[in-house]
Amino acid sequence: MKFNIDGLEAFAKALDDAANGELRAEFALWLDAMGLEFLDLIQDEIIRTNTVDTGRLLNSFGKGDKDNVWSISEGKLSLDIGTNVEYASYVNDGHFTIDPSKGLDRRWVPGVWKGKRFEYTPGADTGMLLKFTWIDGTHYWDNAFAIFERMFEKSLERRFQEWLDKTF
């Protein structure tokens, strides 16, 4: 007795091709695109939340910026995204104006006021006095990540279905 299923051989070959890297290559491209999408979301949230910034934080979430973290590992299909800007987590999470462990209630910061902006200038005779205060975070990263999580799952399903439709 002979049993034939139309398309089974093509399906098996397509799976074999996928096992040899075709699917992995497709998902590596998709992962790169999703990373860029996430960077855009972070920048949008920095702007939307009116996060005080000189542009350094915003720019650091652009692929290729000197402060940007972008590391893709195609072997494991993983992508690390972030920033090397030292104050990024303080702006997101919130912070005290003075380190509470130092036991101080105020701190002098040398610098110059330029309009409404303060420019830190080490050794300046002018500056501002910071009092011990909590500064709320803007949660720009948290907001962007929450949006991204919702998009990611739908995008992954859509991309896999597109690959299945194209391949099979």
Protein backbone atom coordinates (compact mmCIF):
# COMPACT_ATOMS: atom_id res chain seq x y z
CA MET A 1 0.00 0.00 0.00
CA LYS A 2 1.26 3.43 -0.95
CA PHE A 3 0.21 6.60 0.80
CA ASN A 4 1.03 10.02 -0.66
CA ILE A 5 0.61 13.43 0.96
CA ASP A 6 0.95 16.33 -1.44
CA GLY A 7 3.62 18.78 -0.28
CA LEU A 8 5.09 16.55 2.43
CA GLU A 9 8.45 16.26 0.70
CA ALA A 10 8.63 20.04 0.20
CA PHE A 11 7.66 20.53 3.84
CA ALA A 12 10.43 18.17 5.00
CA LYS A 13 12.99 19.93 2.80
CA ALA A 14 11.89 23.32 4.09
CA LEU A 15 12.30 22.13 7.67
CA ASP A 16 15.72 20.79 6.78
CA ASP A 17 16.68 24.14 5.26
CA ALA A 18 15.39 25.86 8.39
CA ALA A 19 17.52 23.60 10.55
CA ASN A 20 20.53 24.63 8.48
CA GLY A 21 20.14 28.29 9.26
CA GLU A 22 17.39 29.73 7.09
CA LEU A 23 14.98 30.29 9.96
CA ARG A 24 17.80 31.48 12.23
CA ALA A 25 18.90 34.02 9.60
CA GLU A 26 15.32 35.26 9.24
CA PHE A 27 14.97 35.69 12.99
CA ALA A 28 18.36 37.40 13.28
CA LEU A 29 17.15 40.04 10.81
CA TRP A 30 13.87 40.35 12.66
CA LEU A 31 15.66 40.64 16.01
CA ASP A 32 17.82 43.47 14.67
CA ALA A 33 14.70 45.29 13.44
CA MET A 34 12.96 44.78 16.79
CA GLY A 35 16.01 46.21 18.55
CA LEU A 36 15.80 49.34 16.44
CA GLU A 37 12.08 49.54 17.21
CA PHE A 38 12.83 49.34 20.94
CA LEU A 39 15.41 52.13 20.68
CA ASP A 40 12.78 54.29 18.95
CA LEU A 41 10.30 53.55 21.75
CA ILE A 42 12.82 54.54 24.41
CA GLN A 43 13.57 57.81 22.63
CA ASP A 44 9.84 58.50 22.24
CA GLU A 45 9.32 57.91 25.97
CA ILE A 46 12.23 60.19 26.93
CA ILE A 47 10.56 62.94 24.88
CA ARG A 48 6.99 62.15 25.99
CA THR A 49 7.86 62.13 29.70
CA ASN A 50 9.74 65.43 29.39
CA THR A 51 12.83 63.79 30.83
CA VAL A 52 15.34 66.55 31.48
CA ASP A 53 18.20 65.83 29.15
CA THR A 54 20.97 67.61 27.28
CA GLY A 55 20.56 65.19 24.39
CA ARG A 56 23.23 62.79 25.61
CA LEU A 57 20.73 60.33 27.11
CA LEU A 58 18.39 60.57 24.13
CA ASN A 59 21.22 60.08 21.63
CA SER A 60 22.63 57.16 23.59
CA PHE A 61 19.56 55.19 22.57
CA GLY A 62 20.54 55.46 18.92
CA LYS A 63 22.41 52.52 17.39
CA GLY A 64 26.00 53.55 16.79
CA ASP A 65 26.11 56.37 19.36
CA LYS A 66 29.29 56.26 21.48
CA ASP A 67 27.21 55.68 24.65
CA ASN A 68 24.86 53.12 23.10
CA VAL A 69 24.97 49.45 24.07
CA TRP A 70 24.08 47.17 21.18
CA SER A 71 25.21 43.57 21.24
CA ILE A 72 23.60 40.90 19.11
CA SER A 73 24.47 37.23 19.41
CA GLU A 74 23.00 35.39 16.44
CA GLY A 75 24.12 32.03 17.78
CA LYS A 76 21.70 32.39 20.68
CA LEU A 77 19.42 34.91 18.98
CA SER A 78 19.86 37.41 21.79
CA LEU A 79 20.16 41.17 21.74
CA ASP A 80 21.42 43.42 24.53
CA ILE A 81 20.33 47.05 24.34
CA GLY A 82 21.10 49.86 26.69
CA THR A 83 23.18 52.90 27.42
CA ASN A 84 26.45 53.69 29.10
CA VAL A 85 25.20 57.09 30.28
CA GLU A 86 25.88 56.97 34.01
CA TYR A 87 22.74 58.84 35.08
CA ALA A 88 20.27 56.88 32.92
CA SER A 89 19.00 54.69 35.77
CA TYR A 90 18.67 57.68 38.13
CA VAL A 91 16.47 59.48 35.63
CA ASN A 92 14.34 56.38 35.09
CA ASP A 93 14.07 55.17 38.69
CA GLY A 94 14.31 58.42 40.65
CA HIS A 95 17.06 59.48 43.01
CA PHE A 96 18.08 61.58 45.96
CA THR A 97 19.92 64.82 45.16
CA ILE A 98 22.52 63.79 47.75
CA ASP A 99 23.71 60.29 48.62
CA PRO A 100 21.86 59.50 51.89
CA SER A 101 24.74 57.35 53.12
CA LYS A 102 26.98 60.44 53.37
CA GLY A 103 24.88 61.96 56.18
CA LEU A 104 24.71 65.37 54.52
CA ASP A 105 21.60 67.47 53.99
CA ARG A 106 23.08 69.70 51.29
CA ARG A 107 25.82 69.78 48.68
CA TRP A 108 27.47 72.54 46.65
CA VAL A 109 27.72 71.93 42.90
CA PRO A 110 30.03 74.30 40.99
CA GLY A 111 28.75 75.56 37.67
CA VAL A 112 27.07 78.28 35.67
CA TRP A 113 23.41 78.99 34.94
CA LYS A 114 22.69 79.53 31.23
CA GLY A 115 19.10 80.63 31.07
CA LYS A 116 17.07 77.87 32.74
CA ARG A 117 19.83 75.29 32.32
CA PHE A 118 22.62 74.63 34.76
CA GLU A 119 26.00 73.63 33.36
CA TYR A 120 28.30 71.78 35.71
CA THR A 121 31.73 73.44 35.71
CA PRO A 122 34.30 71.97 38.11
CA GLY A 123 36.14 74.68 40.05
CA ALA A 124 33.68 77.47 39.19
CA ASP A 125 33.10 80.18 41.80
CA THR A 126 29.37 80.07 41.04
CA GLY A 127 27.03 77.13 41.31
CA MET A 128 23.98 75.83 43.12
CA LEU A 129 23.25 74.38 46.51
CA LEU A 130 21.41 71.07 46.43
CA LYS A 131 19.26 70.18 49.39
CA PHE A 132 18.52 66.59 50.32
CA THR A 133 15.44 65.82 48.20
CA TRP A 134 13.93 62.88 46.34
CA ILE A 135 13.55 63.41 42.58
CA ASP A 136 10.88 61.22 41.01
CA GLY A 137 11.94 59.13 38.04
CA THR A 138 10.24 59.52 34.69
CA HIS A 139 10.17 55.73 34.07
CA TYR A 140 10.94 56.26 30.38
CA TRP A 141 12.63 52.81 30.15
CA ASP A 142 9.86 51.04 32.07
CA ASN A 143 7.18 52.60 29.85
CA ALA A 144 9.03 51.75 26.63
CA PHE A 145 9.61 48.18 27.80
CA ALA A 146 5.93 47.68 28.67
CA ILE A 147 4.92 48.86 25.19
CA PHE A 148 7.63 46.74 23.59
CA GLU A 149 6.53 43.57 25.41
CA ARG A 150 3.06 43.88 23.89
CA MET A 151 4.49 44.50 20.43
CA PHE A 152 7.16 41.80 20.62
CA GLU A 153 4.86 38.80 20.99
CA LYS A 154 2.57 39.88 18.16
CA SER A 155 5.54 40.66 15.93
CA LEU A 156 7.17 37.29 16.64
CA GLU A 157 3.97 35.42 15.80
CA ARG A 158 3.47 37.48 12.63
CA ARG A 159 7.09 37.01 11.51
CA PHE A 160 7.00 33.25 12.11
CA GLN A 161 3.70 32.93 10.23
CA GLU A 162 5.15 34.94 7.33
CA TRP A 163 8.12 32.60 7.26
CA LEU A 164 5.87 29.53 7.35
CA ASP A 165 3.70 30.92 4.55
CA LYS A 166 6.73 31.77 2.41
CA THR A 167 8.55 28.53 3.12
CA PHE A 168 5.68 26.08 2.97
